[in-house]
Amino acid sequence: MELHHLCDNRNCVNPAHLLAVSSKEHHQFHYPAGLATQSARVAARARERRKRDPEGVRALERAKYARRIARDPEGFRAKCRAKAARRRHRKWNRDWGFVS
């Protein structure tokens, strides 16, 4: 038996999102019969996802993330880089005797 993630998130361990299926069934979940091309498989998975999420919660979450990125395009990493640069500069000044 294999675990199929109904939410398509491999890291999810919520028992409600996991389904024990045989290897053959698991393969059929990911590659439905008659869908030869990659784009057709992607479209089919998107349709399945929309059926499982009729309120569009995932779309709302993605939109919320996009708005957050738009508000702060530099983000957290840039702030961390600036903080580390200031720390390095203070250390350099201390090492060379510019600051007592």
C-alpha atoms as a PDB file:
ATOM      1  CA  MET A   1       0.000   0.000   0.000  1.00  0.00           C
ATOM      2  CA  GLU A   2       1.051   3.576  -0.696  1.00  0.00           C
ATOM      3  CA  LEU A   3      -0.171   6.875   0.692  1.00  0.00           C
ATOM      4  CA  HIS A   4      -1.911   9.242  -1.678  1.00  0.00           C
ATOM      5  CA  HIS A   5      -2.035  12.872  -0.530  1.00  0.00           C
ATOM      6  CA  LEU A   6      -5.451  14.242  -1.375  1.00  0.00           C
ATOM      7  CA  CYS A   7      -4.224  17.793  -0.853  1.00  0.00           C
ATOM      8  CA  ASP A   8      -1.200  17.283  -3.197  1.00  0.00           C
ATOM      9  CA  ASN A   9       1.161  18.394  -0.431  1.00  0.00           C
ATOM     10  CA  ARG A  10       3.856  15.775   0.180  1.00  0.00           C
ATOM     11  CA  ASN A  11       4.709  17.221   3.587  1.00  0.00           C
ATOM     12  CA  CYS A  12       1.126  17.042   4.857  1.00  0.00           C
ATOM     13  CA  VAL A  13       0.556  14.421   7.564  1.00  0.00           C
ATOM     14  CA  ASN A  14      -3.074  15.200   8.328  1.00  0.00           C
ATOM     15  CA  PRO A  15      -4.807  11.787   8.392  1.00  0.00           C
ATOM     16  CA  ALA A  16      -7.885  13.289   6.732  1.00  0.00           C
ATOM     17  CA  HIS A  17      -5.746  14.176   3.691  1.00  0.00           C
ATOM     18  CA  LEU A  18      -4.103  10.742   3.336  1.00  0.00           C
ATOM     19  CA  LEU A  19      -5.526   7.753   1.518  1.00  0.00           C
ATOM     20  CA  ALA A  20      -3.987   4.251   1.519  1.00  0.00           C
ATOM     21  CA  VAL A  21      -4.113   2.834  -2.015  1.00  0.00           C
ATOM     22  CA  SER A  22      -2.334   0.168  -4.016  1.00  0.00           C
ATOM     23  CA  SER A  23       0.557   1.114  -6.260  1.00  0.00           C
ATOM     24  CA  LYS A  24      -1.607   0.745  -9.365  1.00  0.00           C
ATOM     25  CA  GLU A  25      -4.363   2.955  -7.942  1.00  0.00           C
ATOM     26  CA  HIS A  26      -1.805   5.529  -6.866  1.00  0.00           C
ATOM     27  CA  HIS A  27      -0.414   5.634 -10.389  1.00  0.00           C
ATOM     28  CA  GLN A  28      -3.945   6.089 -11.775  1.00  0.00           C
ATOM     29  CA  PHE A  29      -4.513   9.050  -9.454  1.00  0.00           C
ATOM     30  CA  HIS A  30      -1.513  10.818 -10.922  1.00  0.00           C
ATOM     31  CA  TYR A  31      -1.824   9.612 -14.525  1.00  0.00           C
ATOM     32  CA  PRO A  32      -5.500   9.092 -15.420  1.00  0.00           C
ATOM     33  CA  ALA A  33      -6.139   6.866 -18.434  1.00  0.00           C
ATOM     34  CA  GLY A  34      -6.486   8.700 -21.722  1.00  0.00           C
ATOM     35  CA  LEU A  35      -4.428  11.695 -20.690  1.00  0.00           C
ATOM     36  CA  ALA A  36      -1.311  11.344 -22.775  1.00  0.00           C
ATOM     37  CA  THR A  37       0.167  14.818 -22.620  1.00  0.00           C
ATOM     38  CA  GLN A  38       1.611  16.601 -19.627  1.00  0.00           C
ATOM     39  CA  SER A  39      -0.658  19.625 -20.109  1.00  0.00           C
ATOM     40  CA  ALA A  40      -3.755  17.408 -20.115  1.00  0.00           C
ATOM     41  CA  ARG A  41      -2.617  15.784 -16.852  1.00  0.00           C
ATOM     42  CA  VAL A  42      -1.984  19.185 -15.296  1.00  0.00           C
ATOM     43  CA  ALA A  43      -5.422  20.417 -16.364  1.00  0.00           C
ATOM     44  CA  ALA A  44      -7.070  17.283 -14.961  1.00  0.00           C
ATOM     45  CA  ARG A  45      -5.304  17.694 -11.618  1.00  0.00           C
ATOM     46  CA  ALA A  46      -6.367  21.345 -11.491  1.00  0.00           C
ATOM     47  CA  ARG A  47      -9.991  20.323 -12.086  1.00  0.00           C
ATOM     48  CA  GLU A  48      -9.749  17.746  -9.282  1.00  0.00           C
ATOM     49  CA  ARG A  49      -8.249  20.348  -6.989  1.00  0.00           C
ATOM     50  CA  ARG A  50     -11.068  22.789  -7.726  1.00  0.00           C
ATOM     51  CA  LYS A  51     -13.618  20.075  -6.926  1.00  0.00           C
ATOM     52  CA  ARG A  52     -11.977  19.486  -3.548  1.00  0.00           C
ATOM     53  CA  ASP A  53     -11.748  23.215  -2.837  1.00  0.00           C
ATOM     54  CA  PRO A  54     -15.028  24.773  -4.010  1.00  0.00           C
ATOM     55  CA  GLU A  55     -14.668  27.924  -1.890  1.00  0.00           C
ATOM     56  CA  GLY A  56     -11.331  28.715  -3.503  1.00  0.00           C
ATOM     57  CA  VAL A  57      -9.394  28.739  -0.242  1.00  0.00           C
ATOM     58  CA  ARG A  58      -6.155  27.919  -2.026  1.00  0.00           C
ATOM     59  CA  ALA A  59      -6.684  30.749  -4.499  1.00  0.00           C
ATOM     60  CA  LEU A  60      -7.349  33.131  -1.621  1.00  0.00           C
ATOM     61  CA  GLU A  61      -4.172  31.991   0.137  1.00  0.00           C
ATOM     62  CA  ARG A  62      -2.128  32.512  -3.040  1.00  0.00           C
ATOM     63  CA  ALA A  63      -3.650  35.971  -3.499  1.00  0.00           C
ATOM     64  CA  LYS A  64      -2.859  36.865   0.115  1.00  0.00           C
ATOM     65  CA  TYR A  65       0.751  35.738  -0.408  1.00  0.00           C
ATOM     66  CA  ALA A  66       0.992  37.773  -3.634  1.00  0.00           C
ATOM     67  CA  ARG A  67      -0.291  40.889  -1.847  1.00  0.00           C
ATOM     68  CA  ARG A  68       2.264  40.407   0.936  1.00  0.00           C
ATOM     69  CA  ILE A  69       5.076  40.092  -1.597  1.00  0.00           C
ATOM     70  CA  ALA A  70       3.808  43.181  -3.446  1.00  0.00           C
ATOM     71  CA  ARG A  71       3.819  45.203  -0.212  1.00  0.00           C
ATOM     72  CA  ASP A  72       7.363  44.181   0.634  1.00  0.00           C
ATOM     73  CA  PRO A  73       9.159  43.036  -2.523  1.00  0.00           C
ATOM     74  CA  GLU A  74      12.530  42.929  -0.767  1.00  0.00           C
ATOM     75  CA  GLY A  75      11.152  40.706   1.943  1.00  0.00           C
ATOM     76  CA  PHE A  76      12.623  39.128   5.012  1.00  0.00           C
ATOM     77  CA  ARG A  77      15.852  37.909   3.422  1.00  0.00           C
ATOM     78  CA  ALA A  78      16.910  41.387   2.350  1.00  0.00           C
ATOM     79  CA  LYS A  79      16.366  42.652   5.883  1.00  0.00           C
ATOM     80  CA  CYS A  80      18.490  39.821   7.243  1.00  0.00           C
ATOM     81  CA  ARG A  81      21.232  40.575   4.721  1.00  0.00           C
ATOM     82  CA  ALA A  82      21.250  44.259   5.742  1.00  0.00           C
ATOM     83  CA  LYS A  83      21.402  43.333   9.423  1.00  0.00           C
ATOM     84  CA  ALA A  84      24.334  40.967   8.797  1.00  0.00           C
ATOM     85  CA  ALA A  85      26.136  43.673   6.791  1.00  0.00           C
ATOM     86  CA  ARG A  86      25.748  46.149   9.664  1.00  0.00           C
ATOM     87  CA  ARG A  87      27.066  43.532  12.085  1.00  0.00           C
ATOM     88  CA  ARG A  88      30.079  42.818   9.836  1.00  0.00           C
ATOM     89  CA  HIS A  89      30.770  46.552   9.522  1.00  0.00           C
ATOM     90  CA  ARG A  90      30.690  47.051  13.315  1.00  0.00           C
ATOM     91  CA  LYS A  91      33.037  44.104  13.770  1.00  0.00           C
ATOM     92  CA  TRP A  92      35.409  45.430  11.089  1.00  0.00           C
ATOM     93  CA  ASN A  93      35.455  48.861  12.773  1.00  0.00           C
ATOM     94  CA  ARG A  94      36.145  47.260  16.157  1.00  0.00           C
ATOM     95  CA  ASP A  95      38.936  45.061  14.760  1.00  0.00           C
ATOM     96  CA  TRP A  96      40.689  47.997  13.124  1.00  0.00           C
ATOM     97  CA  GLY A  97      40.348  50.298  16.125  1.00  0.00           C
ATOM     98  CA  PHE A  98      37.881  52.803  14.673  1.00  0.00           C
ATOM     99  CA  VAL A  99      35.446  52.238  17.538  1.00  0.00           C
ATOM    100  CA  SER A 100      36.493  52.066  21.160  1.00  0.00           C
END
